[in-house]
Amino acid sequence: MATKDYYECHITIDPTPPPHRTAAQHEQVVKDLLAADKWTFSHIHHDIVLGVGPKFYATKHFNTDRINEDALWAILQSTRAKWERKFFGAGPLLKILRCKIELVLRDERYDQEKQA
């Protein structure tokens, strides 16, 4: 089933924990932060642009009929700043690596279609 056009936004986060947290604790803190702002968390390895190694991804979809790219970019930048500020104190404990907007023109999911 084809979908309408939509924007898929990603904020890529360095998964390196600060010295006072384990990797598992840091991942949970990031998951909680993203969930509070209604972003979806995923953990990837070997990003084709950012290179080898693990990364955290925050993903959120936006309807192209309801927002333009400039407004969307402003949302990404303010979200990035908010997340970075939440972790200041003893120093920046959350490092944003990348913000990206993708325009999805077609997205067909074959694993979710009903079997006839």
N, C-alpha and C. Protein backbone atom coordinates (compact mmCIF):
# COMPACT_ATOMS: atom_id res chain seq x y z
N MET A 1 0.83 -1.17 0.00
CA MET A 1 0.00 0.00 0.00
C MET A 1 0.88 1.24 0.00
N ALA A 2 0.69 2.12 -0.92
CA ALA A 2 1.48 3.35 -1.02
C ALA A 2 0.98 4.37 -0.01
N THR A 3 1.86 5.23 0.42
CA THR A 3 1.51 6.27 1.38
C THR A 3 1.60 7.63 0.72
N LYS A 4 1.05 8.64 1.41
CA LYS A 4 1.23 10.02 0.96
C LYS A 4 2.67 10.45 1.21
N ASP A 5 3.07 11.50 0.51
CA ASP A 5 4.40 12.06 0.76
C ASP A 5 4.49 12.51 2.23
N TYR A 6 5.65 12.32 2.82
CA TYR A 6 5.88 12.81 4.18
C TYR A 6 7.36 13.08 4.38
N TYR A 7 7.65 13.86 5.40
CA TYR A 7 9.04 14.10 5.79
C TYR A 7 9.40 13.11 6.88
N GLU A 8 10.57 12.52 6.73
CA GLU A 8 11.12 11.67 7.79
C GLU A 8 12.35 12.40 8.31
N CYS A 9 12.31 12.75 9.56
CA CYS A 9 13.41 13.52 10.17
C CYS A 9 14.23 12.64 11.09
N HIS A 10 15.53 12.85 11.05
CA HIS A 10 16.45 12.10 11.90
C HIS A 10 17.37 13.07 12.63
N ILE A 11 17.58 12.78 13.90
CA ILE A 11 18.63 13.44 14.67
C ILE A 11 19.55 12.31 15.13
N THR A 12 20.79 12.36 14.70
CA THR A 12 21.75 11.30 15.04
C THR A 12 22.54 11.73 16.27
N ILE A 13 22.65 10.83 17.23
CA ILE A 13 23.25 11.12 18.54
C ILE A 13 24.42 10.17 18.78
N ASP A 14 25.50 10.73 19.27
CA ASP A 14 26.67 9.93 19.66
C ASP A 14 26.27 9.07 20.86
N PRO A 15 26.45 7.75 20.78
CA PRO A 15 26.04 6.89 21.89
C PRO A 15 27.06 6.78 23.02
N THR A 16 28.18 7.50 22.93
CA THR A 16 29.23 7.42 23.95
C THR A 16 28.70 7.96 25.28
N PRO A 17 28.67 7.14 26.33
CA PRO A 17 28.14 7.62 27.61
C PRO A 17 29.13 8.55 28.31
N PRO A 18 28.60 9.47 29.13
CA PRO A 18 29.50 10.28 29.96
C PRO A 18 30.15 9.40 31.02
N PRO A 19 31.21 9.88 31.64
CA PRO A 19 31.97 9.04 32.57
C PRO A 19 31.17 8.45 33.73
N HIS A 20 30.12 9.13 34.17
CA HIS A 20 29.37 8.67 35.34
C HIS A 20 28.21 7.72 34.99
N ARG A 21 28.08 7.33 33.70
CA ARG A 21 27.00 6.43 33.28
C ARG A 21 27.55 5.23 32.54
N THR A 22 26.87 4.11 32.71
CA THR A 22 27.19 2.95 31.88
C THR A 22 26.55 3.17 30.52
N ALA A 23 26.93 2.36 29.54
CA ALA A 23 26.33 2.46 28.22
C ALA A 23 24.82 2.19 28.29
N ALA A 24 24.42 1.20 29.08
CA ALA A 24 23.00 0.87 29.21
C ALA A 24 22.22 2.01 29.87
N GLN A 25 22.79 2.62 30.90
CA GLN A 25 22.13 3.76 31.55
C GLN A 25 21.97 4.92 30.57
N HIS A 26 23.02 5.19 29.82
CA HIS A 26 22.98 6.31 28.87
C HIS A 26 21.93 6.06 27.79
N GLU A 27 21.86 4.84 27.28
CA GLU A 27 20.86 4.51 26.27
C GLU A 27 19.46 4.74 26.82
N GLN A 28 19.22 4.32 28.07
CA GLN A 28 17.89 4.50 28.66
C GLN A 28 17.55 5.98 28.86
N VAL A 29 18.52 6.77 29.27
CA VAL A 29 18.30 8.21 29.43
C VAL A 29 17.92 8.83 28.09
N VAL A 30 18.63 8.45 27.03
CA VAL A 30 18.33 8.98 25.70
C VAL A 30 16.95 8.50 25.24
N LYS A 31 16.62 7.24 25.44
CA LYS A 31 15.30 6.72 25.07
C LYS A 31 14.19 7.50 25.77
N ASP A 32 14.37 7.76 27.05
CA ASP A 32 13.36 8.49 27.82
C ASP A 32 13.20 9.92 27.32
N LEU A 33 14.32 10.56 27.00
CA LEU A 33 14.29 11.92 26.48
C LEU A 33 13.53 11.98 25.16
N LEU A 34 13.83 11.06 24.26
CA LEU A 34 13.16 11.03 22.96
C LEU A 34 11.67 10.73 23.10
N ALA A 35 11.33 9.77 23.94
CA ALA A 35 9.92 9.40 24.14
C ALA A 35 9.12 10.59 24.69
N ALA A 36 9.72 11.36 25.57
CA ALA A 36 9.02 12.52 26.14
C ALA A 36 8.65 13.54 25.06
N ASP A 37 9.45 13.61 24.01
CA ASP A 37 9.19 14.54 22.90
C ASP A 37 8.55 13.84 21.70
N LYS A 38 8.12 12.59 21.89
CA LYS A 38 7.43 11.81 20.86
C LYS A 38 8.29 11.53 19.62
N TRP A 39 9.56 11.26 19.85
CA TRP A 39 10.47 10.80 18.81
C TRP A 39 10.70 9.31 19.03
N THR A 40 10.97 8.58 17.96
CA THR A 40 11.23 7.15 18.04
C THR A 40 12.74 6.92 18.11
N PHE A 41 13.15 6.03 18.99
CA PHE A 41 14.56 5.70 19.18
C PHE A 41 14.93 4.48 18.35
N SER A 42 16.10 4.52 17.76
CA SER A 42 16.69 3.31 17.19
C SER A 42 18.21 3.37 17.35
N HIS A 43 18.82 2.22 17.29
CA HIS A 43 20.25 2.07 17.49
C HIS A 43 20.80 1.43 16.22
N ILE A 44 21.70 2.11 15.54
CA ILE A 44 22.22 1.59 14.28
C ILE A 44 23.73 1.40 14.36
N HIS A 45 24.25 0.68 13.42
CA HIS A 45 25.70 0.49 13.29
C HIS A 45 26.10 0.86 11.87
N HIS A 46 27.25 1.44 11.73
CA HIS A 46 27.85 1.69 10.41
C HIS A 46 26.97 2.56 9.50
N ASP A 47 26.75 3.78 9.91
CA ASP A 47 26.02 4.74 9.08
C ASP A 47 26.82 5.00 7.80
N ILE A 48 26.17 5.00 6.64
CA ILE A 48 26.90 5.13 5.38
C ILE A 48 27.51 6.51 5.19
N VAL A 49 27.01 7.51 5.91
CA VAL A 49 27.57 8.86 5.81
C VAL A 49 28.51 9.15 6.98
N LEU A 50 28.09 8.78 8.19
CA LEU A 50 28.87 9.10 9.39
C LEU A 50 29.93 8.08 9.73
N GLY A 51 29.88 6.92 9.08
CA GLY A 51 30.95 5.96 9.24
C GLY A 51 30.68 4.82 10.19
N VAL A 52 31.74 4.08 10.44
CA VAL A 52 31.70 2.86 11.24
C VAL A 52 31.40 3.20 12.69
N GLY A 53 30.72 2.27 13.34
CA GLY A 53 30.45 2.41 14.76
C GLY A 53 28.99 2.66 15.04
N PRO A 54 28.60 2.44 16.30
CA PRO A 54 27.19 2.60 16.67
C PRO A 54 26.77 4.07 16.73
N LYS A 55 25.49 4.28 16.49
CA LYS A 55 24.87 5.61 16.59
C LYS A 55 23.46 5.42 17.14
N PHE A 56 22.96 6.42 17.85
CA PHE A 56 21.56 6.47 18.22
C PHE A 56 20.85 7.34 17.21
N TYR A 57 19.66 6.93 16.81
CA TYR A 57 18.84 7.71 15.87
C TYR A 57 17.53 8.09 16.55
N ALA A 58 17.16 9.34 16.41
CA ALA A 58 15.82 9.81 16.77
C ALA A 58 15.10 10.03 15.45
N THR A 59 13.90 9.50 15.31
CA THR A 59 13.15 9.59 14.06
C THR A 59 11.74 10.09 14.34
N LYS A 60 11.25 10.97 13.46
CA LYS A 60 9.88 11.46 13.58
C LYS A 60 9.38 11.81 12.19
N HIS A 61 8.11 11.52 11.92
CA HIS A 61 7.49 11.80 10.62
C HIS A 61 6.60 13.04 10.71
N PHE A 62 6.56 13.79 9.62
CA PHE A 62 5.74 15.00 9.52
C PHE A 62 5.02 14.99 8.18
N ASN A 63 3.78 15.42 8.18
CA ASN A 63 2.95 15.48 6.99
C ASN A 63 3.37 16.67 6.12
N THR A 64 3.63 16.43 4.85
CA THR A 64 4.08 17.51 3.94
C THR A 64 2.98 18.55 3.71
N ASP A 65 1.72 18.18 3.96
CA ASP A 65 0.62 19.14 3.79
C ASP A 65 0.52 20.11 4.96
N ARG A 66 1.19 19.80 6.06
CA ARG A 66 1.01 20.60 7.28
C ARG A 66 2.21 21.44 7.67
N ILE A 67 3.35 21.20 7.04
CA ILE A 67 4.55 21.95 7.43
C ILE A 67 5.49 22.04 6.23
N ASN A 68 6.20 23.18 6.12
CA ASN A 68 7.17 23.31 5.04
C ASN A 68 8.58 23.02 5.58
N GLU A 69 9.52 22.91 4.68
CA GLU A 69 10.88 22.52 5.06
C GLU A 69 11.55 23.51 6.01
N ASP A 70 11.33 24.81 5.81
CA ASP A 70 11.96 25.81 6.69
C ASP A 70 11.43 25.69 8.12
N ALA A 71 10.13 25.54 8.26
CA ALA A 71 9.55 25.38 9.60
C ALA A 71 10.03 24.08 10.24
N LEU A 72 10.14 23.05 9.43
CA LEU A 72 10.60 21.76 9.93
C LEU A 72 12.06 21.84 10.38
N TRP A 73 12.88 22.52 9.62
CA TRP A 73 14.29 22.68 10.00
C TRP A 73 14.40 23.44 11.33
N ALA A 74 13.54 24.43 11.51
CA ALA A 74 13.53 25.18 12.77
C ALA A 74 13.16 24.26 13.94
N ILE A 75 12.21 23.35 13.72
CA ILE A 75 11.84 22.38 14.76
C ILE A 75 13.02 21.48 15.09
N LEU A 76 13.72 20.99 14.07
CA LEU A 76 14.88 20.13 14.33
C LEU A 76 15.96 20.86 15.11
N GLN A 77 16.23 22.11 14.74
CA GLN A 77 17.27 22.87 15.42
C GLN A 77 16.89 23.19 16.87
N SER A 78 15.63 23.51 17.10
CA SER A 78 15.21 23.80 18.48
C SER A 78 15.18 22.53 19.32
N THR A 79 14.81 21.40 18.71
CA THR A 79 14.84 20.12 19.42
C THR A 79 16.27 19.76 19.78
N ARG A 80 17.16 19.92 18.83
CA ARG A 80 18.58 19.64 19.07
C ARG A 80 19.11 20.48 20.23
N ALA A 81 18.82 21.77 20.21
CA ALA A 81 19.29 22.67 21.28
C ALA A 81 18.69 22.28 22.63
N LYS A 82 17.42 21.93 22.63
CA LYS A 82 16.75 21.53 23.88
C LYS A 82 17.40 20.27 24.45
N TRP A 83 17.63 19.27 23.60
CA TRP A 83 18.23 18.03 24.10
C TRP A 83 19.65 18.26 24.60
N GLU A 84 20.41 19.07 23.90
CA GLU A 84 21.78 19.35 24.36
C GLU A 84 21.76 20.11 25.69
N ARG A 85 20.86 21.06 25.85
CA ARG A 85 20.77 21.84 27.09
C ARG A 85 20.38 20.96 28.28
N LYS A 86 19.51 19.98 28.06
CA LYS A 86 19.07 19.11 29.16
C LYS A 86 20.24 18.36 29.79
N PHE A 87 21.30 18.18 29.06
CA PHE A 87 22.42 17.40 29.56
C PHE A 87 23.62 18.25 29.95
N PHE A 88 23.47 19.57 29.95
CA PHE A 88 24.56 20.42 30.41
C PHE A 88 24.54 20.42 31.94
N GLY A 89 25.60 20.80 32.52
CA GLY A 89 25.74 20.82 33.97
C GLY A 89 27.22 20.64 34.23
N ALA A 90 27.64 19.39 34.24
CA ALA A 90 29.06 19.09 34.39
C ALA A 90 29.76 19.14 33.04
N GLY A 91 29.05 19.53 32.03
CA GLY A 91 29.60 19.57 30.67
C GLY A 91 28.61 18.94 29.72
N PRO A 92 28.82 19.10 28.43
CA PRO A 92 27.87 18.51 27.48
C PRO A 92 27.94 16.98 27.51
N LEU A 93 26.83 16.36 27.89
CA LEU A 93 26.80 14.92 28.05
C LEU A 93 26.05 14.23 26.91
N LEU A 94 25.52 15.02 26.00
CA LEU A 94 24.82 14.48 24.84
C LEU A 94 25.35 15.21 23.62
N LYS A 95 25.89 14.45 22.69
CA LYS A 95 26.47 15.05 21.50
C LYS A 95 25.63 14.69 20.28
N ILE A 96 25.05 15.74 19.65
CA ILE A 96 24.29 15.55 18.42
C ILE A 96 25.28 15.54 17.26
N LEU A 97 25.19 14.53 16.42
CA LEU A 97 26.10 14.39 15.29
C LEU A 97 25.52 14.93 13.99
N ARG A 98 24.19 14.87 13.85
CA ARG A 98 23.60 15.22 12.57
C ARG A 98 22.10 15.43 12.71
N CYS A 99 21.56 16.38 11.95
CA CYS A 99 20.12 16.56 11.77
C CYS A 99 19.83 16.43 10.29
N LYS A 100 18.74 15.72 9.96
CA LYS A 100 18.47 15.45 8.55
C LYS A 100 16.96 15.41 8.31
N ILE A 101 16.54 15.97 7.18
CA ILE A 101 15.16 15.87 6.72
C ILE A 101 15.17 15.11 5.40
N GLU A 102 14.35 14.07 5.33
CA GLU A 102 14.19 13.31 4.09
C GLU A 102 12.75 13.48 3.61
N LEU A 103 12.57 13.67 2.31
CA LEU A 103 11.25 13.70 1.72
C LEU A 103 10.96 12.31 1.17
N VAL A 104 10.00 11.64 1.75
CA VAL A 104 9.63 10.30 1.32
C VAL A 104 8.50 10.41 0.30
N LEU A 105 8.76 9.97 -0.90
CA LEU A 105 7.77 10.05 -1.97
C LEU A 105 6.93 8.78 -2.07
N ARG A 106 7.53 7.69 -1.70
CA ARG A 106 6.80 6.42 -1.75
C ARG A 106 7.41 5.49 -0.72
N ASP A 107 6.56 4.78 -0.01
CA ASP A 107 7.03 3.86 1.02
C ASP A 107 6.04 2.70 1.06
N GLU A 108 6.43 1.59 0.50
CA GLU A 108 5.56 0.42 0.47
C GLU A 108 6.10 -0.64 1.42
N ARG A 109 5.26 -1.08 2.34
CA ARG A 109 5.65 -2.10 3.31
C ARG A 109 5.01 -3.42 2.93
N TYR A 110 5.79 -4.37 2.51
CA TYR A 110 5.27 -5.66 2.08
C TYR A 110 5.07 -6.64 3.23
N ASP A 111 5.75 -6.41 4.32
CA ASP A 111 5.61 -7.30 5.46
C ASP A 111 4.33 -7.08 6.25
N GLN A 112 3.59 -5.98 5.95
CA GLN A 112 2.38 -5.67 6.71
C GLN A 112 1.10 -5.81 5.89
N GLU A 113 1.24 -6.22 4.65
CA GLU A 113 0.04 -6.40 3.82
C GLU A 113 -0.69 -7.67 4.26
N LYS A 114 -2.01 -7.60 4.17
CA LYS A 114 -2.82 -8.78 4.50
C LYS A 114 -2.65 -9.84 3.42
N GLN A 115 -2.57 -11.06 3.85
CA GLN A 115 -2.46 -12.17 2.92
C GLN A 115 -3.85 -12.50 2.38
N ALA A 116 -3.98 -12.70 1.07
CA ALA A 116 -5.29 -12.99 0.46
C ALA A 116 -5.70 -14.42 0.72
